[in-house]
Amino acid sequence: MAVFDAERTAAVEAADSPDNAAPMRRFLRQWALTVAIERVTARATRLSELEAHAEQVEKLAEGRAIATEAAAIHAHRAAEAGIDGRTAG
């Protein structure tokens, strides 16, 4: 909760005018995606495994396979959250 509150506070402060909603949109998108992935324990665990393994990859093909699988997980969670995966970054 502390991370959520800190990021929410930063987004509110960054949205320094009513016309500047982009920081809040980014904050809401990020947390919607986080919830979408964390609610499926196996998927969250697999993504953590991929991220840890990516730090030790030496072969390009292996790195690409990890990136492809991680991207699929991210795309799936973006779809679940109702967010266009191309802008979910």
Protein backbone atom coordinates (compact mmCIF):
# COMPACT_ATOMS: atom_id res chain seq x y z
CA MET A 1 0.00 0.00 0.00
CA ALA A 2 2.86 2.37 0.72
CA VAL A 3 4.11 2.13 -2.87
CA PHE A 4 0.60 2.69 -4.22
CA ASP A 5 0.08 5.74 -2.00
CA ALA A 6 3.47 7.21 -2.90
CA GLU A 7 2.90 6.74 -6.63
CA ARG A 8 -0.64 8.14 -6.38
CA THR A 9 0.63 11.21 -4.53
CA ALA A 10 3.35 11.73 -7.15
CA ALA A 11 0.81 11.42 -9.98
CA VAL A 12 -1.54 13.91 -8.34
CA GLU A 13 1.33 16.37 -7.86
CA ALA A 14 2.52 15.86 -11.44
CA ALA A 15 -0.99 16.57 -12.73
CA ASP A 16 -0.46 20.20 -11.84
CA SER A 17 -3.56 21.46 -13.62
CA PRO A 18 -7.00 20.13 -14.59
CA ASP A 19 -5.81 20.05 -18.20
CA ASN A 20 -2.88 17.74 -17.38
CA ALA A 21 -4.44 14.35 -16.64
CA ALA A 22 -1.65 12.30 -18.26
CA PRO A 23 0.17 11.50 -14.99
CA MET A 24 -3.03 10.16 -13.42
CA ARG A 25 -3.86 8.14 -16.55
CA ARG A 26 -0.38 6.55 -16.43
CA PHE A 27 -0.77 5.80 -12.72
CA LEU A 28 -4.20 4.20 -13.19
CA ARG A 29 -3.02 2.18 -16.22
CA GLN A 30 0.03 0.91 -14.34
CA TRP A 31 -1.97 -0.20 -11.32
CA ALA A 32 -4.74 -1.76 -13.42
CA LEU A 33 -2.07 -3.84 -15.13
CA THR A 34 -0.44 -4.74 -11.81
CA VAL A 35 -3.77 -5.96 -10.42
CA ALA A 36 -4.53 -7.93 -13.59
CA ILE A 37 -1.27 -9.84 -13.34
CA GLU A 38 -1.13 -10.31 -9.58
CA ARG A 39 -4.62 -11.78 -9.34
CA VAL A 40 -3.40 -14.90 -11.20
CA THR A 41 -0.66 -16.26 -8.97
CA ALA A 42 0.79 -18.69 -11.52
CA ARG A 43 1.12 -15.95 -14.13
CA ALA A 44 2.72 -13.53 -11.66
CA THR A 45 5.14 -16.24 -10.58
CA ARG A 46 6.03 -17.09 -14.18
CA LEU A 47 6.68 -13.46 -15.04
CA SER A 48 8.97 -13.14 -12.00
CA GLU A 49 10.84 -16.26 -13.10
CA LEU A 50 11.28 -14.87 -16.61
CA GLU A 51 12.54 -11.54 -15.30
CA ALA A 52 15.06 -13.25 -13.01
CA HIS A 53 16.24 -15.56 -15.78
CA ALA A 54 16.57 -12.69 -18.26
CA GLU A 55 19.29 -11.18 -16.09
CA GLN A 56 21.46 -14.27 -16.68
CA VAL A 57 20.85 -14.96 -20.37
CA GLU A 58 23.91 -15.26 -22.57
CA LYS A 59 22.39 -16.40 -25.86
CA LEU A 60 20.36 -14.07 -28.06
CA ALA A 61 17.81 -16.76 -28.96
CA GLU A 62 17.15 -17.49 -25.31
CA GLY A 63 16.71 -13.78 -24.58
CA ARG A 64 14.27 -13.46 -27.45
CA ALA A 65 12.24 -16.43 -26.20
CA ILE A 66 12.03 -14.88 -22.74
CA ALA A 67 11.04 -11.51 -24.19
CA THR A 68 8.35 -13.13 -26.35
CA GLU A 69 6.81 -15.00 -23.42
CA ALA A 70 6.95 -11.96 -21.13
CA ALA A 71 5.36 -9.80 -23.84
CA ALA A 72 2.52 -12.33 -24.19
CA ILE A 73 1.89 -12.19 -20.44
CA HIS A 74 1.85 -8.39 -20.53
CA ALA A 75 -0.48 -8.33 -23.55
CA HIS A 76 -2.86 -10.74 -21.83
CA ARG A 77 -2.96 -8.68 -18.65
CA ALA A 78 -3.51 -5.48 -20.67
CA ALA A 79 -6.48 -7.11 -22.42
CA GLU A 80 -7.88 -8.22 -19.04
CA ALA A 81 -7.54 -4.70 -17.71
CA GLY A 82 -9.23 -3.27 -20.81
CA ILE A 83 -6.13 -1.37 -21.84
CA ASP A 84 -4.66 -1.17 -25.33
CA GLY A 85 -1.49 -3.26 -25.00
CA ARG A 86 0.38 -1.01 -27.44
CA THR A 87 0.25 1.83 -24.92
CA ALA A 88 0.37 -0.20 -21.73
CA GLY A 89 4.11 0.10 -21.20
